Amino acid sequence: MAELLTIFLGSLFRMVLILLFGALIERGYMTEGQFAQLGMGLGGFVVVSAWTLYKRYHDRLKFRTALESPAGTTEAHIDEKIKNGTGATL
């Protein structure tokens, strides 16, 4: 359910941005060149933000899996548990 909600909210956000920038260009507040530059900047921001969120999620999953594992468990074993899908749930 959470994945479907994330996809829906992402699509809704993109649609709102397209409508907003379209209105700004139509009314003469922005040119198409400025829109392209802004789009490139926002694209970079989205990519960096997505990567950061993914890394935080993965690190948190690794941390929770380590907490649930017995003392002395190696990092390689934790990584293997996550890769196999038997790690902790968030």
C-alpha atoms as a PDB file:
ATOM      1  CA  MET A   1       0.000   0.000   0.000  1.00  0.00           C
ATOM      2  CA  ALA A   2       2.794   2.412   0.884  1.00  0.00           C
ATOM      3  CA  GLU A   3       4.464   1.862  -2.501  1.00  0.00           C
ATOM      4  CA  LEU A   4       1.224   2.647  -4.332  1.00  0.00           C
ATOM      5  CA  LEU A   5       0.758   5.798  -2.246  1.00  0.00           C
ATOM      6  CA  THR A   6       4.339   6.893  -3.013  1.00  0.00           C
ATOM      7  CA  ILE A   7       3.794   6.417  -6.743  1.00  0.00           C
ATOM      8  CA  PHE A   8       0.505   8.300  -6.593  1.00  0.00           C
ATOM      9  CA  LEU A   9       1.977  11.224  -4.658  1.00  0.00           C
ATOM     10  CA  GLY A  10       4.979  11.390  -6.992  1.00  0.00           C
ATOM     11  CA  SER A  11       2.701  11.513 -10.043  1.00  0.00           C
ATOM     12  CA  LEU A  12       0.502  14.147  -8.436  1.00  0.00           C
ATOM     13  CA  PHE A  13       3.546  16.275  -7.550  1.00  0.00           C
ATOM     14  CA  ARG A  14       4.882  16.056 -11.137  1.00  0.00           C
ATOM     15  CA  MET A  15       1.499  17.057 -12.533  1.00  0.00           C
ATOM     16  CA  VAL A  16       1.286  20.078 -10.205  1.00  0.00           C
ATOM     17  CA  LEU A  17       4.804  21.169 -11.175  1.00  0.00           C
ATOM     18  CA  ILE A  18       4.057  20.872 -14.887  1.00  0.00           C
ATOM     19  CA  LEU A  19       0.861  22.902 -14.507  1.00  0.00           C
ATOM     20  CA  LEU A  20       2.634  25.521 -12.395  1.00  0.00           C
ATOM     21  CA  PHE A  21       5.551  25.964 -14.786  1.00  0.00           C
ATOM     22  CA  GLY A  22       3.207  25.949 -17.775  1.00  0.00           C
ATOM     23  CA  ALA A  23       1.198  28.769 -16.206  1.00  0.00           C
ATOM     24  CA  LEU A  24       4.371  30.737 -15.431  1.00  0.00           C
ATOM     25  CA  ILE A  25       5.569  30.427 -19.042  1.00  0.00           C
ATOM     26  CA  GLU A  26       2.136  31.276 -20.442  1.00  0.00           C
ATOM     27  CA  ARG A  27       1.913  34.463 -18.376  1.00  0.00           C
ATOM     28  CA  GLY A  28       5.428  35.527 -19.318  1.00  0.00           C
ATOM     29  CA  TYR A  29       7.066  35.166 -15.911  1.00  0.00           C
ATOM     30  CA  MET A  30       9.512  32.596 -17.288  1.00  0.00           C
ATOM     31  CA  THR A  31      10.933  31.764 -20.682  1.00  0.00           C
ATOM     32  CA  GLU A  32      11.265  28.237 -22.000  1.00  0.00           C
ATOM     33  CA  GLY A  33      15.039  28.453 -21.534  1.00  0.00           C
ATOM     34  CA  GLN A  34      14.626  29.322 -17.873  1.00  0.00           C
ATOM     35  CA  PHE A  35      12.163  26.478 -17.516  1.00  0.00           C
ATOM     36  CA  ALA A  36      14.702  24.066 -19.009  1.00  0.00           C
ATOM     37  CA  GLN A  37      17.403  25.286 -16.609  1.00  0.00           C
ATOM     38  CA  LEU A  38      15.060  25.005 -13.657  1.00  0.00           C
ATOM     39  CA  GLY A  39      14.017  21.538 -14.774  1.00  0.00           C
ATOM     40  CA  MET A  40      17.647  20.421 -14.919  1.00  0.00           C
ATOM     41  CA  GLY A  41      18.253  21.813 -11.436  1.00  0.00           C
ATOM     42  CA  LEU A  42      15.147  20.169 -10.017  1.00  0.00           C
ATOM     43  CA  GLY A  43      16.053  16.920 -11.749  1.00  0.00           C
ATOM     44  CA  GLY A  44      19.441  16.925 -10.062  1.00  0.00           C
ATOM     45  CA  PHE A  45      17.827  17.726  -6.745  1.00  0.00           C
ATOM     46  CA  VAL A  46      15.353  14.865  -7.106  1.00  0.00           C
ATOM     47  CA  VAL A  47      18.087  12.382  -8.027  1.00  0.00           C
ATOM     48  CA  VAL A  48      20.256  13.387  -5.069  1.00  0.00           C
ATOM     49  CA  SER A  49      17.268  13.340  -2.711  1.00  0.00           C
ATOM     50  CA  ALA A  50      16.156   9.904  -3.916  1.00  0.00           C
ATOM     51  CA  TRP A  51      19.659   8.507  -3.467  1.00  0.00           C
ATOM     52  CA  THR A  52      19.890   9.982   0.040  1.00  0.00           C
ATOM     53  CA  LEU A  53      16.517   8.535   1.038  1.00  0.00           C
ATOM     54  CA  TYR A  54      17.488   5.134  -0.345  1.00  0.00           C
ATOM     55  CA  LYS A  55      20.784   5.141   1.554  1.00  0.00           C
ATOM     56  CA  ARG A  56      19.093   6.192   4.794  1.00  0.00           C
ATOM     57  CA  TYR A  57      16.503   3.444   4.378  1.00  0.00           C
ATOM     58  CA  HIS A  58      19.168   0.844   3.645  1.00  0.00           C
ATOM     59  CA  ASP A  59      21.345   1.974   6.559  1.00  0.00           C
ATOM     60  CA  ARG A  60      18.357   1.909   8.913  1.00  0.00           C
ATOM     61  CA  LEU A  61      17.449  -1.588   7.689  1.00  0.00           C
ATOM     62  CA  LYS A  62      21.022  -2.702   8.277  1.00  0.00           C
ATOM     63  CA  PHE A  63      21.025  -1.180  11.761  1.00  0.00           C
ATOM     64  CA  ARG A  64      17.719  -2.823  12.739  1.00  0.00           C
ATOM     65  CA  THR A  65      18.887  -6.179  11.371  1.00  0.00           C
ATOM     66  CA  ALA A  66      22.101  -5.896  13.405  1.00  0.00           C
ATOM     67  CA  LEU A  67      20.102  -5.121  16.549  1.00  0.00           C
ATOM     68  CA  GLU A  68      17.988  -8.227  16.062  1.00  0.00           C
ATOM     69  CA  SER A  69      21.011 -10.454  15.411  1.00  0.00           C
ATOM     70  CA  PRO A  70      22.996 -12.158  18.147  1.00  0.00           C
ATOM     71  CA  ALA A  71      26.180 -10.535  19.456  1.00  0.00           C
ATOM     72  CA  GLY A  72      29.239 -11.240  17.332  1.00  0.00           C
ATOM     73  CA  THR A  73      27.373 -11.378  14.026  1.00  0.00           C
ATOM     74  CA  THR A  74      29.613 -10.130  11.231  1.00  0.00           C
ATOM     75  CA  GLU A  75      28.707  -7.310   8.869  1.00  0.00           C
ATOM     76  CA  ALA A  76      28.932  -9.723   5.938  1.00  0.00           C
ATOM     77  CA  HIS A  77      26.293 -11.928   7.583  1.00  0.00           C
ATOM     78  CA  ILE A  78      24.030  -8.897   8.139  1.00  0.00           C
ATOM     79  CA  ASP A  79      24.408  -7.932   4.470  1.00  0.00           C
ATOM     80  CA  GLU A  80      23.599 -11.500   3.442  1.00  0.00           C
ATOM     81  CA  LYS A  81      20.444 -11.532   5.595  1.00  0.00           C
ATOM     82  CA  ILE A  82      19.268  -8.269   3.993  1.00  0.00           C
ATOM     83  CA  LYS A  83      20.055  -9.538   0.503  1.00  0.00           C
ATOM     84  CA  ASN A  84      18.064 -12.732   1.150  1.00  0.00           C
ATOM     85  CA  GLY A  85      15.123 -10.754   2.464  1.00  0.00           C
ATOM     86  CA  THR A  86      15.348 -12.138   6.001  1.00  0.00           C
ATOM     87  CA  GLY A  87      16.491  -8.891   7.583  1.00  0.00           C
ATOM     88  CA  ALA A  88      14.485  -6.711   9.940  1.00  0.00           C
ATOM     89  CA  THR A  89      11.275  -5.025   8.887  1.00  0.00           C
ATOM     90  CA  LEU A  90      10.845  -1.296   9.259  1.00  0.00           C
END
